[in-house]
C-alpha atoms as a PDB file:
ATOM      1  CA  UNK A   1      78.878   4.579  47.275  1.00  0.00           C
ATOM      2  CA  UNK A   2      75.265   5.091  48.307  1.00  0.00           C
ATOM      3  CA  UNK A   3      73.791   3.295  51.344  1.00  0.00           C
ATOM      4  CA  UNK A   4      71.948   0.538  51.176  1.00  0.00           C
ATOM      5  CA  UNK A   5      68.768   2.126  52.345  1.00  0.00           C
ATOM      6  CA  UNK A   6      69.026   4.790  49.584  1.00  0.00           C
ATOM      7  CA  UNK A   7      69.461   1.956  47.119  1.00  0.00           C
ATOM      8  CA  UNK A   8      66.416   0.040  48.591  1.00  0.00           C
ATOM      9  CA  UNK A   9      64.284   3.292  48.430  1.00  0.00           C
ATOM     10  CA  UNK A  10      65.509   3.961  44.711  1.00  0.00           C
ATOM     11  CA  UNK A  11      63.902   0.434  43.886  1.00  0.00           C
ATOM     12  CA  UNK A  12      60.395   1.395  45.100  1.00  0.00           C
ATOM     13  CA  UNK A  13      57.604   1.671  42.647  1.00  0.00           C
ATOM     14  CA  UNK A  14      57.021   5.218  41.372  1.00  0.00           C
ATOM     15  CA  UNK A  15      54.483   7.428  43.324  1.00  0.00           C
ATOM     16  CA  UNK A  16      53.229   8.978  40.128  1.00  0.00           C
ATOM     17  CA  UNK A  17      52.200   7.449  36.788  1.00  0.00           C
ATOM     18  CA  UNK A  18      53.513   8.407  33.433  1.00  0.00           C
ATOM     19  CA  UNK A  19      50.184  10.584  32.788  1.00  0.00           C
ATOM     20  CA  UNK A  20      50.604  12.079  36.052  1.00  0.00           C
ATOM     21  CA  UNK A  21      54.189  13.146  35.161  1.00  0.00           C
ATOM     22  CA  UNK A  22      52.767  14.730  31.807  1.00  0.00           C
ATOM     23  CA  UNK A  23      50.310  16.720  34.117  1.00  0.00           C
ATOM     24  CA  UNK A  24      52.911  18.150  36.159  1.00  0.00           C
ATOM     25  CA  UNK A  25      55.078  19.112  33.179  1.00  0.00           C
ATOM     26  CA  UNK A  26      52.272  21.073  31.397  1.00  0.00           C
ATOM     27  CA  UNK A  27      51.855  24.682  31.903  1.00  0.00           C
ATOM     28  CA  UNK A  28      48.598  25.658  33.702  1.00  0.00           C
ATOM     29  CA  UNK A  29      46.531  26.615  30.598  1.00  0.00           C
ATOM     30  CA  UNK A  30      47.556  23.255  28.733  1.00  0.00           C
ATOM     31  CA  UNK A  31      46.667  21.457  31.900  1.00  0.00           C
ATOM     32  CA  UNK A  32      43.381  23.125  32.328  1.00  0.00           C
ATOM     33  CA  UNK A  33      42.669  22.389  28.382  1.00  0.00           C
ATOM     34  CA  UNK A  34      43.615  18.536  28.932  1.00  0.00           C
ATOM     35  CA  UNK A  35      41.511  18.406  32.026  1.00  0.00           C
ATOM     36  CA  UNK A  36      38.589  20.023  30.203  1.00  0.00           C
ATOM     37  CA  UNK A  37      39.140  17.519  27.174  1.00  0.00           C
ATOM     38  CA  UNK A  38      39.311  14.550  29.583  1.00  0.00           C
ATOM     39  CA  UNK A  39      35.873  15.586  30.975  1.00  0.00           C
ATOM     40  CA  UNK A  40      34.145  15.867  27.628  1.00  0.00           C
ATOM     41  CA  UNK A  41      32.417  12.516  26.960  1.00  0.00           C
ATOM     42  CA  UNK A  42      32.782  13.341  23.237  1.00  0.00           C
ATOM     43  CA  UNK A  43      36.254  13.343  23.181  1.00  0.00           C
ATOM     44  CA  UNK A  44      38.089  10.024  23.015  1.00  0.00           C
ATOM     45  CA  UNK A  45      41.143   9.130  24.976  1.00  0.00           C
ATOM     46  CA  UNK A  46      42.782   8.031  21.857  1.00  0.00           C
ATOM     47  CA  UNK A  47      42.571  11.555  20.611  1.00  0.00           C
ATOM     48  CA  UNK A  48      44.090  12.891  23.906  1.00  0.00           C
ATOM     49  CA  UNK A  49      46.799  10.172  23.408  1.00  0.00           C
ATOM     50  CA  UNK A  50      47.449  11.288  19.792  1.00  0.00           C
ATOM     51  CA  UNK A  51      47.716  14.894  20.623  1.00  0.00           C
ATOM     52  CA  UNK A  52      49.960  14.449  23.731  1.00  0.00           C
ATOM     53  CA  UNK A  53      52.252  12.288  21.563  1.00  0.00           C
ATOM     54  CA  UNK A  54      52.606  15.047  18.834  1.00  0.00           C
ATOM     55  CA  UNK A  55      53.559  17.453  21.556  1.00  0.00           C
ATOM     56  CA  UNK A  56      56.256  14.986  22.650  1.00  0.00           C
ATOM     57  CA  UNK A  57      54.485  13.289  25.642  1.00  0.00           C
ATOM     58  CA  UNK A  58      54.224   9.574  25.087  1.00  0.00           C
ATOM     59  CA  UNK A  59      51.685   7.962  27.053  1.00  0.00           C
ATOM     60  CA  UNK A  60      49.535   5.048  25.972  1.00  0.00           C
ATOM     61  CA  UNK A  61      45.801   4.544  26.049  1.00  0.00           C
ATOM     62  CA  UNK A  62      46.004   2.174  29.051  1.00  0.00           C
ATOM     63  CA  UNK A  63      48.070   4.449  31.226  1.00  0.00           C
ATOM     64  CA  UNK A  64      45.465   7.145  30.351  1.00  0.00           C
ATOM     65  CA  UNK A  65      42.592   5.323  31.106  1.00  0.00           C
ATOM     66  CA  UNK A  66      43.907   3.918  34.489  1.00  0.00           C
ATOM     67  CA  UNK A  67      44.794   7.471  35.617  1.00  0.00           C
ATOM     68  CA  UNK A  68      41.283   8.842  34.745  1.00  0.00           C
ATOM     69  CA  UNK A  69      39.635   5.895  36.488  1.00  0.00           C
ATOM     70  CA  UNK A  70      41.818   6.395  39.423  1.00  0.00           C
ATOM     71  CA  UNK A  71      43.587   3.065  39.163  1.00  0.00           C
ATOM     72  CA  UNK A  72      47.260   4.246  38.767  1.00  0.00           C
ATOM     73  CA  UNK A  73      49.871   4.580  41.276  1.00  0.00           C
ATOM     74  CA  UNK A  74      49.009   8.498  41.711  1.00  0.00           C
ATOM     75  CA  UNK A  75      45.926   7.620  43.615  1.00  0.00           C
ATOM     76  CA  UNK A  76      47.576   4.730  45.943  1.00  0.00           C
ATOM     77  CA  UNK A  77      49.809   6.939  47.475  1.00  0.00           C
END
């Protein structure tokens, strides 16, 4: 049986968003390509979401948008 402290800690809000997890899982070349795409104003976020989905990473546009704007849990910690 786990301690009450460990159980409470496991209930805490995650410190990384779903998109942040995707960034951690990508190899360095793919991460660099994704970051380049996000900095290109001609590339839409829905295009990014669609490509990630085809590659097995399911992130919705709202999650991506919050991360890009610095409004997700990744930037709160």
